[in-house]
């Protein structure tokens, strides 16, 4: 089998487990998606450009929540961040004998990490927003939050609380950078270090806080 055919087979085997739950699969894009009126929930399947037929074909993935009106991922996590597969960067699916194990471990990961988030978000967005403010998107991996998500689908008060919790979750060195730049920029002054400049260049929690003038005591 060619490497792209092997990859296609495993992607389809994963999708088979979710197709009756409203998920759709894009064979050309190698992802599966589900939507509600606010978000697209997306599972990306990845492989490598240097696969070798019958010897090494990589398989790994990522999950994300993307607002329908934006391209910014408000939450994303990949198998490598979760140390899967164990002690490896990816599953080697070159041999068909390894497909069942790969699909089982990958779908177990989806079922434990991403699917509960999708269901909570789709079933009761108001409650889910409060849950994210309190615990983050994925409590097992620290306080993972998107302040813009809280501000848009919650309230300014919840965004303030989330900002405090996010700040508290940072390492001490990043806390200093965040606080020094926040205290200058929130009142319209310049960044005091490269951290402030860099955080304003791309979508980030810091940029959301500054642009929306979320006032908190740090």
N, C-alpha and C. Protein backbone atom coordinates (compact mmCIF):
# COMPACT_ATOMS: atom_id res chain seq x y z
N UNK A 1 0.83 -1.20 0.00
CA UNK A 1 0.00 0.00 0.00
C UNK A 1 0.87 1.25 0.00
N UNK A 2 0.46 2.25 -0.77
CA UNK A 2 1.17 3.52 -0.74
C UNK A 2 0.92 4.22 0.60
N UNK A 3 1.83 5.09 0.99
CA UNK A 3 1.72 5.72 2.30
C UNK A 3 0.44 6.55 2.44
N UNK A 4 0.05 7.24 1.35
CA UNK A 4 -1.17 8.05 1.43
C UNK A 4 -2.41 7.17 1.56
N UNK A 5 -2.38 5.99 0.99
CA UNK A 5 -3.51 5.06 1.11
C UNK A 5 -3.62 4.52 2.53
N UNK A 6 -2.48 4.24 3.14
CA UNK A 6 -2.46 3.77 4.52
C UNK A 6 -3.02 4.85 5.44
N UNK A 7 -2.57 6.07 5.25
CA UNK A 7 -3.04 7.19 6.06
C UNK A 7 -4.55 7.37 5.89
N UNK A 8 -5.02 7.32 4.65
CA UNK A 8 -6.46 7.46 4.38
C UNK A 8 -7.26 6.38 5.10
N UNK A 9 -6.77 5.16 5.10
CA UNK A 9 -7.48 4.04 5.73
C UNK A 9 -7.65 4.28 7.24
N UNK A 10 -6.59 4.70 7.90
CA UNK A 10 -6.65 4.91 9.35
C UNK A 10 -7.54 6.10 9.68
N UNK A 11 -7.44 7.18 8.91
CA UNK A 11 -8.33 8.33 9.12
C UNK A 11 -9.79 7.90 9.02
N UNK A 12 -10.09 7.09 8.02
CA UNK A 12 -11.47 6.64 7.82
C UNK A 12 -11.93 5.72 8.95
N UNK A 13 -11.04 4.89 9.46
CA UNK A 13 -11.39 4.01 10.58
C UNK A 13 -11.75 4.82 11.82
N UNK A 14 -11.02 5.90 12.04
CA UNK A 14 -11.35 6.78 13.17
C UNK A 14 -12.72 7.40 12.95
N UNK A 15 -12.94 7.93 11.75
CA UNK A 15 -14.22 8.58 11.44
C UNK A 15 -15.40 7.63 11.59
N UNK A 16 -15.22 6.38 11.25
CA UNK A 16 -16.31 5.40 11.34
C UNK A 16 -16.91 5.36 12.74
N UNK A 17 -16.10 5.64 13.74
CA UNK A 17 -16.58 5.59 15.13
C UNK A 17 -17.44 6.80 15.49
N UNK A 18 -17.42 7.84 14.66
CA UNK A 18 -18.13 9.07 15.00
C UNK A 18 -19.16 9.51 13.96
N UNK A 19 -19.23 8.84 12.84
CA UNK A 19 -20.10 9.31 11.76
C UNK A 19 -21.57 9.30 12.13
N UNK A 20 -21.98 8.44 13.07
CA UNK A 20 -23.38 8.41 13.48
C UNK A 20 -23.69 9.43 14.57
N UNK A 21 -22.68 10.23 14.95
CA UNK A 21 -22.86 11.25 16.00
C UNK A 21 -22.84 12.66 15.43
N UNK A 22 -23.02 12.76 14.11
CA UNK A 22 -23.10 14.08 13.49
C UNK A 22 -21.80 14.63 12.94
N UNK A 23 -20.72 13.86 13.05
CA UNK A 23 -19.44 14.32 12.51
C UNK A 23 -19.37 14.07 11.01
N UNK A 24 -18.69 14.96 10.29
CA UNK A 24 -18.48 14.81 8.85
C UNK A 24 -16.98 14.72 8.58
N UNK A 25 -16.62 13.98 7.54
CA UNK A 25 -15.21 13.76 7.25
C UNK A 25 -14.84 14.34 5.89
N UNK A 26 -13.74 15.07 5.85
CA UNK A 26 -13.19 15.58 4.60
C UNK A 26 -11.96 14.75 4.24
N UNK A 27 -12.10 13.92 3.21
CA UNK A 27 -10.98 13.08 2.81
C UNK A 27 -9.84 13.92 2.23
N UNK A 28 -10.19 14.99 1.51
CA UNK A 28 -9.15 15.83 0.91
C UNK A 28 -8.41 16.64 1.96
N UNK A 29 -9.14 17.06 3.02
CA UNK A 29 -8.49 17.86 4.05
C UNK A 29 -7.94 17.04 5.19
N UNK A 30 -8.36 15.77 5.27
CA UNK A 30 -7.97 14.89 6.37
C UNK A 30 -8.32 15.51 7.73
N UNK A 31 -9.61 15.82 7.87
CA UNK A 31 -10.15 16.26 9.15
C UNK A 31 -11.61 15.88 9.24
N UNK A 32 -12.12 15.85 10.46
CA UNK A 32 -13.55 15.66 10.64
C UNK A 32 -14.10 16.80 11.47
N UNK A 33 -15.34 17.20 11.16
CA UNK A 33 -15.91 18.39 11.76
C UNK A 33 -17.35 18.16 12.22
N UNK A 34 -17.73 19.01 13.17
CA UNK A 34 -19.10 19.05 13.65
C UNK A 34 -19.38 20.52 13.95
N UNK A 35 -20.61 20.98 13.68
CA UNK A 35 -20.91 22.40 13.87
C UNK A 35 -22.20 22.61 14.66
N UNK A 36 -22.24 23.75 15.35
CA UNK A 36 -23.50 24.25 15.88
C UNK A 36 -23.61 25.70 15.38
N UNK A 37 -24.48 26.51 15.95
CA UNK A 37 -24.68 27.87 15.43
C UNK A 37 -23.52 28.81 15.74
N UNK A 38 -22.64 28.41 16.64
CA UNK A 38 -21.53 29.28 17.04
C UNK A 38 -20.15 28.81 16.61
N UNK A 39 -19.94 27.49 16.65
CA UNK A 39 -18.58 26.97 16.50
C UNK A 39 -18.47 25.81 15.51
N UNK A 40 -17.27 25.65 15.02
CA UNK A 40 -16.90 24.43 14.32
C UNK A 40 -15.95 23.66 15.24
N UNK A 41 -16.25 22.41 15.47
CA UNK A 41 -15.40 21.53 16.26
C UNK A 41 -14.65 20.67 15.25
N UNK A 42 -13.34 20.63 15.39
CA UNK A 42 -12.53 20.04 14.32
C UNK A 42 -11.46 19.10 14.87
N UNK A 43 -11.34 17.94 14.24
CA UNK A 43 -10.28 16.99 14.56
C UNK A 43 -9.41 16.87 13.32
N UNK A 44 -8.16 17.26 13.45
CA UNK A 44 -7.20 17.20 12.35
C UNK A 44 -6.41 15.90 12.42
N UNK A 45 -6.23 15.25 11.28
CA UNK A 45 -5.37 14.07 11.19
C UNK A 45 -4.10 14.47 10.46
N UNK A 46 -2.95 14.11 11.04
CA UNK A 46 -1.68 14.50 10.46
C UNK A 46 -0.81 13.28 10.15
N UNK A 47 0.04 13.45 9.15
CA UNK A 47 1.06 12.45 8.86
C UNK A 47 2.36 13.21 8.56
N UNK A 48 3.32 12.55 7.95
CA UNK A 48 4.63 13.16 7.69
C UNK A 48 4.92 13.19 6.20
N UNK A 49 5.73 14.14 5.79
CA UNK A 49 6.10 14.24 4.37
C UNK A 49 7.17 13.21 3.99
N UNK A 50 7.85 12.65 5.01
CA UNK A 50 8.94 11.70 4.69
C UNK A 50 8.61 10.28 5.11
N UNK A 51 7.34 9.88 4.94
CA UNK A 51 6.95 8.50 5.20
C UNK A 51 7.67 7.54 4.25
N UNK A 52 7.82 6.31 4.70
CA UNK A 52 8.45 5.26 3.88
C UNK A 52 7.50 4.07 3.84
N UNK A 53 7.07 3.70 2.65
CA UNK A 53 6.11 2.60 2.50
C UNK A 53 6.59 1.35 3.19
N UNK A 54 5.67 0.70 3.90
CA UNK A 54 5.91 -0.57 4.59
C UNK A 54 6.91 -0.48 5.75
N UNK A 55 7.40 0.72 6.02
CA UNK A 55 8.36 0.87 7.11
C UNK A 55 7.93 1.91 8.15
N UNK A 56 7.56 3.07 7.68
CA UNK A 56 7.23 4.13 8.63
C UNK A 56 6.20 5.09 8.02
N UNK A 57 5.01 5.09 8.58
CA UNK A 57 3.96 6.03 8.18
C UNK A 57 3.41 6.65 9.46
N UNK A 58 3.60 7.94 9.60
CA UNK A 58 3.22 8.63 10.84
C UNK A 58 1.73 8.94 10.88
N UNK A 59 1.18 8.89 12.10
CA UNK A 59 -0.20 9.29 12.33
C UNK A 59 -0.29 9.96 13.70
N UNK A 60 -0.81 11.17 13.73
CA UNK A 60 -1.07 11.86 14.99
C UNK A 60 -2.17 12.89 14.73
N UNK A 61 -2.60 13.65 15.75
CA UNK A 61 -3.72 14.54 15.51
C UNK A 61 -3.83 15.70 16.45
N UNK A 62 -4.81 16.54 16.16
CA UNK A 62 -5.08 17.74 16.95
C UNK A 62 -6.58 17.98 16.97
N UNK A 63 -7.08 18.58 18.05
CA UNK A 63 -8.48 18.96 18.17
C UNK A 63 -8.56 20.46 18.37
N UNK A 64 -9.64 21.07 17.86
CA UNK A 64 -9.78 22.51 18.01
C UNK A 64 -11.24 22.94 17.98
N UNK A 65 -11.50 24.06 18.66
CA UNK A 65 -12.79 24.74 18.57
C UNK A 65 -12.53 26.06 17.86
N UNK A 66 -13.27 26.32 16.77
CA UNK A 66 -13.06 27.51 15.96
C UNK A 66 -14.40 28.23 15.79
N UNK A 67 -14.52 29.48 16.23
CA UNK A 67 -15.75 30.23 16.02
C UNK A 67 -16.07 30.34 14.52
N UNK A 68 -17.34 30.24 14.16
CA UNK A 68 -17.72 30.30 12.75
C UNK A 68 -17.41 31.64 12.12
N UNK A 69 -17.34 32.70 12.94
CA UNK A 69 -17.06 34.04 12.42
C UNK A 69 -15.59 34.41 12.54
N UNK A 70 -14.74 33.46 12.86
CA UNK A 70 -13.32 33.75 13.05
C UNK A 70 -12.49 32.53 12.66
N UNK A 71 -11.22 32.75 12.39
CA UNK A 71 -10.31 31.65 12.10
C UNK A 71 -9.43 31.32 13.30
N UNK A 72 -9.62 32.04 14.39
CA UNK A 72 -8.80 31.83 15.58
C UNK A 72 -9.28 30.61 16.35
N UNK A 73 -8.36 29.75 16.72
CA UNK A 73 -8.71 28.59 17.53
C UNK A 73 -8.84 29.03 18.99
N UNK A 74 -10.04 28.90 19.55
CA UNK A 74 -10.20 29.30 20.94
C UNK A 74 -9.75 28.21 21.89
N UNK A 75 -9.65 27.00 21.37
CA UNK A 75 -9.09 25.90 22.15
C UNK A 75 -8.47 24.92 21.18
N UNK A 76 -7.29 24.45 21.49
CA UNK A 76 -6.69 23.39 20.66
C UNK A 76 -5.71 22.59 21.50
N UNK A 77 -5.63 21.33 21.20
CA UNK A 77 -4.72 20.44 21.90
C UNK A 77 -4.36 19.29 20.96
N UNK A 78 -3.14 18.81 21.02
CA UNK A 78 -2.75 17.72 20.14
C UNK A 78 -2.25 16.52 20.93
N UNK A 79 -2.10 15.42 20.23
CA UNK A 79 -1.70 14.17 20.90
C UNK A 79 -0.31 14.28 21.52
N UNK A 80 0.55 15.06 20.92
CA UNK A 80 1.91 15.19 21.45
C UNK A 80 1.91 15.90 22.79
N UNK A 81 1.04 16.89 22.94
CA UNK A 81 0.92 17.58 24.24
C UNK A 81 0.46 16.62 25.33
N UNK A 82 -0.27 15.59 24.94
CA UNK A 82 -0.79 14.62 25.89
C UNK A 82 0.09 13.37 25.99
N UNK A 83 1.30 13.46 25.40
CA UNK A 83 2.28 12.37 25.45
C UNK A 83 1.74 11.07 24.86
N UNK A 84 1.05 11.21 23.73
CA UNK A 84 0.54 10.04 23.02
C UNK A 84 1.09 10.02 21.61
N UNK A 85 1.40 8.82 21.10
CA UNK A 85 1.42 7.55 21.85
C UNK A 85 2.57 7.55 22.87
N UNK A 86 2.52 6.64 23.79
CA UNK A 86 3.47 6.60 24.89
C UNK A 86 4.92 6.57 24.40
N UNK A 87 5.69 7.59 24.84
CA UNK A 87 7.12 7.69 24.56
C UNK A 87 7.44 7.83 23.07
N UNK A 88 6.45 8.22 22.26
CA UNK A 88 6.68 8.41 20.83
C UNK A 88 6.02 9.71 20.37
N UNK A 89 6.46 10.22 19.22
CA UNK A 89 5.87 11.44 18.67
C UNK A 89 4.62 11.15 17.84
N UNK A 90 4.48 9.90 17.39
CA UNK A 90 3.35 9.54 16.54
C UNK A 90 3.18 8.03 16.53
N UNK A 91 2.03 7.59 16.02
CA UNK A 91 1.82 6.17 15.80
C UNK A 91 2.38 5.80 14.44
N UNK A 92 3.07 4.68 14.36
CA UNK A 92 3.56 4.18 13.08
C UNK A 92 2.51 3.20 12.53
N UNK A 93 1.85 3.59 11.46
CA UNK A 93 0.75 2.79 10.90
C UNK A 93 1.13 2.10 9.60
N UNK A 94 2.44 1.95 9.38
CA UNK A 94 2.90 1.31 8.13
C UNK A 94 2.36 -0.10 7.99
N UNK A 95 2.25 -0.83 9.12
CA UNK A 95 1.74 -2.21 9.09
C UNK A 95 0.29 -2.26 9.53
N UNK A 96 -0.54 -2.93 8.78
CA UNK A 96 -1.97 -3.00 9.09
C UNK A 96 -2.23 -3.60 10.46
N UNK A 97 -1.31 -4.43 10.92
CA UNK A 97 -1.47 -5.05 12.23
C UNK A 97 -1.49 -4.02 13.36
N UNK A 98 -0.97 -2.81 13.09
CA UNK A 98 -0.92 -1.76 14.11
C UNK A 98 -2.10 -0.80 14.04
N UNK A 99 -2.98 -0.98 13.07
CA UNK A 99 -4.07 -0.04 12.88
C UNK A 99 -5.07 -0.06 14.04
N UNK A 100 -5.45 -1.25 14.48
CA UNK A 100 -6.46 -1.34 15.55
C UNK A 100 -6.00 -0.65 16.83
N UNK A 101 -4.74 -0.90 17.20
CA UNK A 101 -4.19 -0.25 18.40
C UNK A 101 -4.19 1.26 18.23
N UNK A 102 -3.76 1.74 17.07
CA UNK A 102 -3.70 3.17 16.80
C UNK A 102 -5.08 3.81 16.91
N UNK A 103 -6.05 3.19 16.25
CA UNK A 103 -7.41 3.74 16.26
C UNK A 103 -7.99 3.71 17.67
N UNK A 104 -7.75 2.64 18.39
CA UNK A 104 -8.26 2.54 19.76
C UNK A 104 -7.66 3.61 20.66
N UNK A 105 -6.35 3.78 20.61
CA UNK A 105 -5.70 4.78 21.48
C UNK A 105 -6.08 6.19 21.08
N UNK A 106 -6.17 6.44 19.78
CA UNK A 106 -6.52 7.78 19.31
C UNK A 106 -7.96 8.13 19.67
N UNK A 107 -8.89 7.20 19.47
CA UNK A 107 -10.29 7.48 19.79
C UNK A 107 -10.52 7.53 21.30
N UNK A 108 -9.75 6.77 22.06
CA UNK A 108 -9.82 6.89 23.53
C UNK A 108 -9.41 8.29 23.97
N UNK A 109 -8.39 8.81 23.30
CA UNK A 109 -7.94 10.17 23.58
C UNK A 109 -9.03 11.18 23.25
N UNK A 110 -9.64 11.04 22.08
CA UNK A 110 -10.74 11.93 21.70
C UNK A 110 -11.88 11.86 22.71
N UNK A 111 -12.24 10.64 23.09
CA UNK A 111 -13.38 10.44 23.99
C UNK A 111 -13.12 10.99 25.39
N UNK A 112 -11.87 11.01 25.80
CA UNK A 112 -11.55 11.47 27.15
C UNK A 112 -11.23 12.96 27.21
N UNK A 113 -10.71 13.52 26.11
CA UNK A 113 -10.25 14.91 26.11
C UNK A 113 -11.19 15.86 25.38
N UNK A 114 -11.56 15.52 24.15
CA UNK A 114 -12.25 16.48 23.30
C UNK A 114 -13.76 16.32 23.23
N UNK A 115 -14.23 15.11 23.09
CA UNK A 115 -15.67 14.89 22.93
C UNK A 115 -16.47 15.45 24.10
N UNK A 116 -16.04 15.27 25.37
CA UNK A 116 -16.79 15.87 26.48
C UNK A 116 -16.86 17.40 26.38
N UNK A 117 -15.79 18.03 25.89
CA UNK A 117 -15.79 19.48 25.71
C UNK A 117 -16.81 19.88 24.65
N UNK A 118 -16.81 19.16 23.54
CA UNK A 118 -17.76 19.43 22.46
C UNK A 118 -19.19 19.30 22.95
N UNK A 119 -19.48 18.23 23.65
CA UNK A 119 -20.84 17.99 24.13
C UNK A 119 -21.28 19.05 25.13
N UNK A 120 -20.38 19.44 26.04
CA UNK A 120 -20.72 20.47 27.02
C UNK A 120 -20.99 21.80 26.35
N UNK A 121 -20.17 22.15 25.39
CA UNK A 121 -20.30 23.42 24.68
C UNK A 121 -21.59 23.45 23.86
N UNK A 122 -21.91 22.35 23.21
CA UNK A 122 -23.10 22.30 22.36
C UNK A 122 -24.39 22.23 23.18
N UNK A 123 -24.36 21.55 24.30
CA UNK A 123 -25.57 21.30 25.07
C UNK A 123 -26.00 22.48 25.94
N UNK A 124 -25.04 23.20 26.51
CA UNK A 124 -25.39 24.33 27.39
C UNK A 124 -24.21 25.29 27.39
N UNK A 125 -24.22 26.22 26.44
CA UNK A 125 -23.08 27.13 26.27
C UNK A 125 -22.89 28.02 27.50
N UNK A 126 -23.98 28.52 28.07
CA UNK A 126 -23.87 29.39 29.25
C UNK A 126 -23.16 28.69 30.40
N UNK A 127 -23.57 27.46 30.65
CA UNK A 127 -22.95 26.70 31.73
C UNK A 127 -21.51 26.35 31.40
N UNK A 128 -21.26 26.05 30.12
CA UNK A 128 -19.90 25.69 29.70
C UNK A 128 -18.94 26.87 29.88
N UNK A 129 -19.41 28.07 29.55
CA UNK A 129 -18.58 29.27 29.73
C UNK A 129 -18.16 29.40 31.20
N UNK A 130 -19.11 29.22 32.10
CA UNK A 130 -18.81 29.32 33.53
C UNK A 130 -17.84 28.21 33.96
N UNK A 131 -18.00 27.04 33.36
CA UNK A 131 -17.10 25.92 33.66
C UNK A 131 -15.68 26.24 33.21
N UNK A 132 -15.55 26.84 32.03
CA UNK A 132 -14.22 27.20 31.53
C UNK A 132 -13.59 28.28 32.40
N UNK A 133 -14.38 29.26 32.84
CA UNK A 133 -13.86 30.30 33.73
C UNK A 133 -13.30 29.67 35.00
N UNK A 134 -14.02 28.70 35.53
CA UNK A 134 -13.63 28.07 36.79
C UNK A 134 -12.45 27.11 36.65
N UNK A 135 -12.47 26.29 35.59
CA UNK A 135 -11.51 25.19 35.49
C UNK A 135 -10.59 25.25 34.27
N UNK A 136 -10.96 26.04 33.27
CA UNK A 136 -10.24 26.00 32.00
C UNK A 136 -10.89 24.98 31.08
N UNK A 137 -10.49 25.00 29.83
CA UNK A 137 -11.04 24.05 28.86
C UNK A 137 -10.70 22.61 29.22
N UNK A 138 -9.47 22.42 29.67
CA UNK A 138 -8.96 21.07 29.88
C UNK A 138 -8.21 21.05 31.21
N UNK A 139 -8.94 20.87 32.33
CA UNK A 139 -8.36 21.00 33.67
C UNK A 139 -7.12 20.15 33.92
N UNK A 140 -7.01 19.00 33.25
CA UNK A 140 -5.86 18.12 33.48
C UNK A 140 -4.56 18.70 32.94
N UNK A 141 -4.67 19.76 32.13
CA UNK A 141 -3.47 20.32 31.52
C UNK A 141 -3.25 21.77 31.96
N UNK A 142 -3.64 22.09 33.20
CA UNK A 142 -3.48 23.45 33.69
C UNK A 142 -4.67 24.32 33.31
N UNK A 143 -4.55 25.60 33.56
CA UNK A 143 -5.67 26.51 33.29
C UNK A 143 -5.58 27.01 31.84
N UNK A 144 -6.20 26.27 30.94
CA UNK A 144 -6.24 26.62 29.52
C UNK A 144 -7.53 27.39 29.27
N UNK A 145 -7.42 28.64 28.86
CA UNK A 145 -8.61 29.48 28.70
C UNK A 145 -8.42 30.41 27.52
N UNK A 146 -9.51 30.89 26.98
CA UNK A 146 -9.50 31.90 25.93
C UNK A 146 -10.37 33.06 26.43
N UNK A 147 -9.74 34.19 26.74
CA UNK A 147 -10.47 35.31 27.33
C UNK A 147 -11.51 35.86 26.35
N UNK A 148 -11.17 35.86 25.06
CA UNK A 148 -12.11 36.33 24.06
C UNK A 148 -13.39 35.51 24.03
N UNK A 149 -13.24 34.21 24.20
CA UNK A 149 -14.39 33.31 24.26
C UNK A 149 -15.28 33.66 25.45
N UNK A 150 -14.67 33.89 26.59
CA UNK A 150 -15.42 34.24 27.81
C UNK A 150 -16.13 35.58 27.63
N UNK A 151 -15.45 36.54 27.05
CA UNK A 151 -16.01 37.87 26.86
C UNK A 151 -17.19 37.84 25.88
N UNK A 152 -17.04 37.08 24.81
CA UNK A 152 -18.07 37.03 23.77
C UNK A 152 -19.31 36.26 24.21
N UNK A 153 -19.11 35.13 24.88
CA UNK A 153 -20.23 34.26 25.19
C UNK A 153 -20.61 34.27 26.67
N UNK A 154 -19.87 35.06 27.46
CA UNK A 154 -20.18 35.19 28.87
C UNK A 154 -20.47 36.63 29.22
N UNK A 155 -19.57 37.28 29.94
CA UNK A 155 -19.77 38.67 30.37
C UNK A 155 -18.42 39.28 30.71
N UNK A 156 -18.42 40.60 30.87
CA UNK A 156 -17.17 41.28 31.25
C UNK A 156 -16.72 40.85 32.65
N UNK A 157 -17.70 40.58 33.53
CA UNK A 157 -17.36 40.13 34.88
C UNK A 157 -16.68 38.76 34.84
N UNK A 158 -17.20 37.87 34.03
CA UNK A 158 -16.58 36.55 33.90
C UNK A 158 -15.21 36.65 33.25
N UNK A 159 -15.08 37.58 32.30
CA UNK A 159 -13.78 37.78 31.64
C UNK A 159 -12.75 38.29 32.63
N UNK A 160 -13.17 39.15 33.55
CA UNK A 160 -12.26 39.64 34.59
C UNK A 160 -11.80 38.50 35.49
N UNK A 161 -12.75 37.65 35.87
CA UNK A 161 -12.40 36.50 36.72
C UNK A 161 -11.45 35.56 35.99
N UNK A 162 -11.74 35.31 34.72
CA UNK A 162 -10.88 34.42 33.92
C UNK A 162 -9.48 35.01 33.77
N UNK A 163 -9.40 36.32 33.61
CA UNK A 163 -8.09 36.97 33.48
C UNK A 163 -7.27 36.79 34.74
N UNK A 164 -7.91 36.95 35.91
CA UNK A 164 -7.21 36.74 37.18
C UNK A 164 -6.70 35.31 37.29
N UNK A 165 -7.56 34.35 36.94
CA UNK A 165 -7.16 32.94 37.03
C UNK A 165 -6.06 32.61 36.03
N UNK A 166 -6.16 33.18 34.83
CA UNK A 166 -5.14 32.96 33.82
C UNK A 166 -3.80 33.50 34.29
N UNK A 167 -3.82 34.72 34.83
CA UNK A 167 -2.59 35.33 35.34
C UNK A 167 -1.97 34.47 36.44
N UNK A 168 -2.81 33.97 37.34
CA UNK A 168 -2.32 33.14 38.45
C UNK A 168 -1.69 31.84 37.96
N UNK A 169 -2.10 31.38 36.77
CA UNK A 169 -1.58 30.10 36.24
C UNK A 169 -0.23 30.24 35.56
N UNK A 170 0.20 31.47 35.30
CA UNK A 170 1.45 31.69 34.59
C UNK A 170 2.66 31.44 35.48
N UNK A 171 3.79 31.15 34.86
CA UNK A 171 5.04 31.02 35.62
C UNK A 171 5.42 32.39 36.17
N UNK A 172 6.26 32.41 37.18
CA UNK A 172 6.61 33.67 37.83
C UNK A 172 7.25 34.66 36.86
N UNK A 173 8.10 34.17 35.97
CA UNK A 173 8.76 35.08 35.03
C UNK A 173 7.76 35.69 34.05
N UNK A 174 6.82 34.90 33.57
CA UNK A 174 5.80 35.42 32.65
C UNK A 174 4.84 36.34 33.38
N UNK A 175 4.54 36.02 34.64
CA UNK A 175 3.69 36.92 35.44
C UNK A 175 4.27 38.33 35.47
N UNK A 176 5.57 38.43 35.69
CA UNK A 176 6.22 39.74 35.76
C UNK A 176 6.07 40.48 34.44
N UNK A 177 6.31 39.75 33.33
CA UNK A 177 6.19 40.36 32.00
C UNK A 177 4.76 40.81 31.75
N UNK A 178 3.81 39.95 32.05
CA UNK A 178 2.40 40.25 31.84
C UNK A 178 2.01 41.48 32.65
N UNK A 179 2.34 41.48 33.95
CA UNK A 179 1.93 42.56 34.85
C UNK A 179 2.53 43.90 34.46
N UNK A 180 3.84 43.92 34.17
CA UNK A 180 4.51 45.17 33.83
C UNK A 180 3.92 45.78 32.56
N UNK A 181 3.68 44.93 31.57
CA UNK A 181 3.14 45.43 30.30
C UNK A 181 1.66 45.79 30.44
N UNK A 182 0.93 44.99 31.18
CA UNK A 182 -0.49 45.26 31.41
C UNK A 182 -0.68 46.62 32.08
N UNK A 183 0.07 46.86 33.13
CA UNK A 183 -0.11 48.09 33.91
C UNK A 183 0.25 49.33 33.11
N UNK A 184 1.07 49.17 32.08
CA UNK A 184 1.40 50.29 31.20
C UNK A 184 0.37 50.41 30.07
N UNK A 185 0.10 49.31 29.40
CA UNK A 185 -0.67 49.35 28.17
C UNK A 185 -2.18 49.49 28.40
N UNK A 186 -2.68 49.04 29.55
CA UNK A 186 -4.12 49.12 29.81
C UNK A 186 -4.58 50.58 29.85
N UNK A 187 -3.66 51.50 30.12
CA UNK A 187 -3.99 52.93 30.17
C UNK A 187 -3.50 53.66 28.92
N UNK A 188 -3.20 52.90 27.87
CA UNK A 188 -2.86 53.50 26.59
C UNK A 188 -1.40 53.82 26.38
N UNK A 189 -0.55 53.40 27.30
CA UNK A 189 0.89 53.65 27.15
C UNK A 189 1.55 52.54 26.34
N UNK A 190 2.82 52.70 26.06
CA UNK A 190 3.56 51.73 25.25
C UNK A 190 3.91 50.47 26.05
N UNK A 191 4.22 49.41 25.31
CA UNK A 191 4.73 48.19 25.94
C UNK A 191 6.06 48.49 26.59
N UNK A 192 6.37 47.81 27.69
CA UNK A 192 7.62 48.07 28.39
C UNK A 192 8.68 47.01 28.08
N UNK A 193 8.29 45.97 27.33
CA UNK A 193 9.26 44.94 26.95
C UNK A 193 8.77 44.24 25.68
N UNK A 194 9.61 43.37 25.13
CA UNK A 194 9.26 42.64 23.92
C UNK A 194 8.02 41.77 24.12
N UNK A 195 7.80 41.33 25.36
CA UNK A 195 6.62 40.51 25.65
C UNK A 195 5.35 41.24 25.23
N UNK A 196 5.21 42.48 25.66
CA UNK A 196 4.02 43.26 25.34
C UNK A 196 3.87 43.48 23.84
N UNK A 197 4.98 43.74 23.18
CA UNK A 197 4.96 43.96 21.73
C UNK A 197 4.55 42.68 21.01
N UNK A 198 5.20 41.58 21.37
CA UNK A 198 4.93 40.31 20.70
C UNK A 198 3.51 39.81 20.92
N UNK A 199 3.00 39.98 22.14
CA UNK A 199 1.66 39.49 22.45
C UNK A 199 0.57 40.25 21.68
N UNK A 200 0.87 41.46 21.23
CA UNK A 200 -0.11 42.26 20.50
C UNK A 200 -0.08 42.00 19.00
N UNK A 201 0.88 41.22 18.54
CA UNK A 201 1.02 40.98 17.10
C UNK A 201 0.04 39.91 16.60
N UNK A 202 -0.28 38.96 17.46
CA UNK A 202 -1.16 37.86 17.08
C UNK A 202 -2.26 37.69 18.12
N UNK A 203 -3.23 36.88 17.79
CA UNK A 203 -4.33 36.59 18.71
C UNK A 203 -3.77 35.98 19.99
N UNK A 204 -4.09 36.57 21.13
CA UNK A 204 -3.60 36.07 22.41
C UNK A 204 -4.49 36.57 23.53
N UNK A 205 -4.42 35.92 24.69
CA UNK A 205 -5.18 36.39 25.84
C UNK A 205 -4.76 37.79 26.24
N UNK A 206 -3.46 38.05 26.21
CA UNK A 206 -2.96 39.38 26.60
C UNK A 206 -3.55 40.46 25.68
N UNK A 207 -3.53 40.21 24.40
CA UNK A 207 -4.06 41.17 23.44
C UNK A 207 -5.56 41.41 23.67
N UNK A 208 -6.30 40.34 23.92
CA UNK A 208 -7.74 40.48 24.20
C UNK A 208 -7.98 41.35 25.42
N UNK A 209 -7.20 41.11 26.47
CA UNK A 209 -7.35 41.88 27.71
C UNK A 209 -7.08 43.36 27.46
N UNK A 210 -6.01 43.66 26.74
CA UNK A 210 -5.64 45.06 26.49
C UNK A 210 -6.65 45.74 25.57
N UNK A 211 -7.01 45.09 24.47
CA UNK A 211 -7.90 45.71 23.49
C UNK A 211 -9.30 45.94 24.05
N UNK A 212 -9.70 45.09 24.98
CA UNK A 212 -11.04 45.23 25.56
C UNK A 212 -11.03 45.91 26.92
N UNK A 213 -9.83 46.39 27.30
CA UNK A 213 -9.67 47.13 28.55
C UNK A 213 -10.31 46.42 29.74
N UNK A 214 -9.94 45.14 29.88
CA UNK A 214 -10.43 44.36 31.00
C UNK A 214 -9.63 44.74 32.23
N UNK A 215 -10.30 45.40 33.19
CA UNK A 215 -9.62 45.94 34.36
C UNK A 215 -9.62 44.93 35.50
N UNK A 216 -8.44 44.54 35.90
CA UNK A 216 -8.28 43.62 37.03
C UNK A 216 -7.10 44.05 37.88
N UNK A 217 -7.11 43.67 39.12
CA UNK A 217 -5.96 43.93 40.01
C UNK A 217 -5.09 42.70 39.99
N UNK A 218 -3.86 42.85 39.51
CA UNK A 218 -2.94 41.71 39.41
C UNK A 218 -1.97 41.71 40.57
